N, C-alpha and C. Protein backbone atom coordinates (compact mmCIF):
# COMPACT_ATOMS: atom_id res chain seq x y z
N MET A 1 0.83 -1.18 0.00
CA MET A 1 0.00 0.00 0.00
C MET A 1 0.88 1.25 0.00
N THR A 2 0.44 2.19 -0.76
CA THR A 2 1.18 3.44 -0.78
C THR A 2 0.41 4.48 0.02
N ASN A 3 1.09 5.54 0.36
CA ASN A 3 0.45 6.62 1.10
C ASN A 3 -0.39 7.50 0.19
N ASN A 4 -0.33 7.29 -1.12
CA ASN A 4 -1.07 8.11 -2.05
C ASN A 4 -2.50 7.61 -2.25
N GLU A 5 -2.85 6.47 -1.67
CA GLU A 5 -4.20 5.95 -1.84
C GLU A 5 -5.20 6.75 -1.02
N PRO A 6 -6.40 6.92 -1.56
CA PRO A 6 -7.43 7.63 -0.79
C PRO A 6 -7.75 6.87 0.50
N LYS A 7 -8.19 7.60 1.48
CA LYS A 7 -8.49 7.01 2.78
C LYS A 7 -9.58 5.94 2.67
N CYS A 8 -10.55 6.16 1.77
CA CYS A 8 -11.63 5.18 1.63
C CYS A 8 -11.10 3.82 1.18
N ILE A 9 -10.08 3.81 0.33
CA ILE A 9 -9.50 2.54 -0.13
C ILE A 9 -8.78 1.85 1.02
N LEU A 10 -8.07 2.61 1.81
CA LEU A 10 -7.38 2.02 2.97
C LEU A 10 -8.37 1.43 3.97
N LEU A 11 -9.49 2.15 4.20
CA LEU A 11 -10.50 1.65 5.12
C LEU A 11 -11.15 0.39 4.58
N LYS A 12 -11.40 0.33 3.28
CA LYS A 12 -11.99 -0.85 2.65
C LYS A 12 -11.08 -2.06 2.82
N ARG A 13 -9.80 -1.87 2.57
CA ARG A 13 -8.84 -2.97 2.70
C ARG A 13 -8.70 -3.44 4.13
N LYS A 14 -8.70 -2.49 5.06
CA LYS A 14 -8.59 -2.84 6.47
C LYS A 14 -9.82 -3.64 6.92
N GLY A 15 -10.99 -3.24 6.47
CA GLY A 15 -12.21 -3.96 6.80
C GLY A 15 -12.23 -5.36 6.20
N ALA A 16 -11.81 -5.47 4.95
CA ALA A 16 -11.77 -6.78 4.28
C ALA A 16 -10.79 -7.71 4.99
N SER A 17 -9.67 -7.18 5.42
CA SER A 17 -8.68 -7.98 6.14
C SER A 17 -9.26 -8.47 7.47
N ARG A 18 -9.98 -7.60 8.16
CA ARG A 18 -10.60 -7.97 9.43
C ARG A 18 -11.61 -9.10 9.24
N ILE A 19 -12.43 -9.00 8.20
CA ILE A 19 -13.43 -10.03 7.92
C ILE A 19 -12.76 -11.35 7.55
N ARG A 20 -11.69 -11.28 6.74
CA ARG A 20 -10.96 -12.51 6.38
C ARG A 20 -10.43 -13.22 7.63
N LYS A 21 -9.90 -12.45 8.58
CA LYS A 21 -9.38 -13.04 9.82
C LYS A 21 -10.49 -13.70 10.63
N ILE A 22 -11.65 -13.07 10.67
CA ILE A 22 -12.77 -13.62 11.42
C ILE A 22 -13.27 -14.91 10.79
N LEU A 23 -13.39 -14.92 9.46
CA LEU A 23 -14.00 -16.04 8.76
C LEU A 23 -12.99 -17.12 8.34
N ASN A 24 -11.73 -16.91 8.58
CA ASN A 24 -10.68 -17.79 8.09
C ASN A 24 -10.88 -19.25 8.47
N ASP A 25 -11.20 -19.53 9.73
CA ASP A 25 -11.28 -20.91 10.18
C ASP A 25 -12.71 -21.41 10.35
N LYS A 26 -13.68 -20.71 9.76
CA LYS A 26 -15.08 -21.10 9.89
C LYS A 26 -15.53 -21.94 8.71
N ASN A 27 -16.42 -22.88 8.97
CA ASN A 27 -16.99 -23.65 7.88
C ASN A 27 -18.17 -22.87 7.29
N PHE A 28 -18.82 -23.44 6.28
CA PHE A 28 -19.87 -22.73 5.58
C PHE A 28 -21.02 -22.33 6.50
N GLU A 29 -21.46 -23.24 7.36
CA GLU A 29 -22.59 -22.95 8.25
C GLU A 29 -22.24 -21.84 9.25
N GLU A 30 -21.03 -21.87 9.77
CA GLU A 30 -20.59 -20.83 10.72
C GLU A 30 -20.47 -19.48 10.02
N GLU A 31 -19.98 -19.50 8.78
CA GLU A 31 -19.87 -18.27 8.01
C GLU A 31 -21.25 -17.69 7.72
N LEU A 32 -22.18 -18.54 7.36
CA LEU A 32 -23.55 -18.10 7.11
C LEU A 32 -24.18 -17.50 8.36
N LEU A 33 -23.97 -18.14 9.49
CA LEU A 33 -24.48 -17.62 10.76
C LEU A 33 -23.87 -16.26 11.08
N PHE A 34 -22.57 -16.10 10.83
CA PHE A 34 -21.90 -14.82 11.04
C PHE A 34 -22.59 -13.72 10.24
N TRP A 35 -22.83 -13.98 8.94
CA TRP A 35 -23.44 -12.95 8.08
C TRP A 35 -24.90 -12.69 8.47
N GLN A 36 -25.60 -13.70 8.91
CA GLN A 36 -26.97 -13.49 9.37
C GLN A 36 -27.00 -12.60 10.61
N ASN A 37 -26.08 -12.84 11.53
CA ASN A 37 -25.98 -12.01 12.74
C ASN A 37 -25.61 -10.57 12.40
N GLN A 38 -24.67 -10.41 11.48
CA GLN A 38 -24.26 -9.06 11.09
C GLN A 38 -25.41 -8.32 10.41
N THR A 39 -26.20 -9.04 9.61
CA THR A 39 -27.35 -8.43 8.95
C THR A 39 -28.37 -7.97 9.98
N GLU A 40 -28.61 -8.77 10.99
CA GLU A 40 -29.56 -8.38 12.05
C GLU A 40 -29.07 -7.15 12.80
N LYS A 41 -27.78 -7.09 13.10
CA LYS A 41 -27.22 -5.92 13.78
C LYS A 41 -27.40 -4.67 12.92
N LEU A 42 -27.16 -4.80 11.63
CA LEU A 42 -27.29 -3.67 10.72
C LEU A 42 -28.75 -3.21 10.62
N LYS A 43 -29.69 -4.16 10.56
CA LYS A 43 -31.10 -3.80 10.50
C LYS A 43 -31.51 -3.03 11.75
N LYS A 44 -31.04 -3.49 12.91
CA LYS A 44 -31.36 -2.79 14.16
C LYS A 44 -30.78 -1.38 14.15
N GLU A 45 -29.57 -1.25 13.64
CA GLU A 45 -28.92 0.07 13.59
C GLU A 45 -29.68 1.02 12.67
N PHE A 46 -30.15 0.52 11.54
CA PHE A 46 -30.88 1.36 10.60
C PHE A 46 -32.27 1.72 11.10
N ASN A 47 -32.82 0.95 12.00
CA ASN A 47 -34.14 1.24 12.53
C ASN A 47 -34.11 2.27 13.66
N LYS A 48 -32.92 2.57 14.15
CA LYS A 48 -32.80 3.59 15.20
C LYS A 48 -33.03 4.97 14.58
N PRO A 49 -33.61 5.89 15.37
CA PRO A 49 -33.76 7.25 14.85
C PRO A 49 -32.39 7.90 14.68
N PHE A 50 -32.26 8.71 13.64
CA PHE A 50 -30.99 9.37 13.35
C PHE A 50 -30.75 10.49 14.34
N GLN A 51 -29.54 10.54 14.89
CA GLN A 51 -29.16 11.63 15.79
C GLN A 51 -27.84 12.20 15.32
N ARG A 52 -27.83 13.46 15.04
CA ARG A 52 -26.60 14.13 14.62
C ARG A 52 -25.76 14.41 15.85
N THR A 53 -24.49 14.10 15.77
CA THR A 53 -23.59 14.37 16.90
C THR A 53 -22.98 15.76 16.75
N ALA A 54 -22.66 16.37 17.85
CA ALA A 54 -22.18 17.75 17.84
C ALA A 54 -20.77 17.86 17.24
N ASN A 55 -19.97 16.81 17.33
CA ASN A 55 -18.57 16.93 16.90
C ASN A 55 -18.34 16.45 15.46
N ARG A 56 -19.39 16.26 14.68
CA ARG A 56 -19.19 15.86 13.27
C ARG A 56 -18.80 17.05 12.44
N ARG A 57 -17.87 16.85 11.56
CA ARG A 57 -17.46 17.92 10.65
C ARG A 57 -18.29 17.84 9.38
N ARG A 58 -18.47 18.96 8.77
CA ARG A 58 -19.20 19.02 7.49
C ARG A 58 -18.25 19.22 6.37
């Protein structure tokens, strides 16, 4: 990786690496369960009302 890459690309690669480490030793059923759990967490997060935080930059 070079330092000239956009931050979004670095974050994408870091996330993909994290997921690979989590799923590395799991079989198909365990991997499927992982993704089902992550989907449920995401659905719960999206159902929460949006709250803007004071320290966000525009």
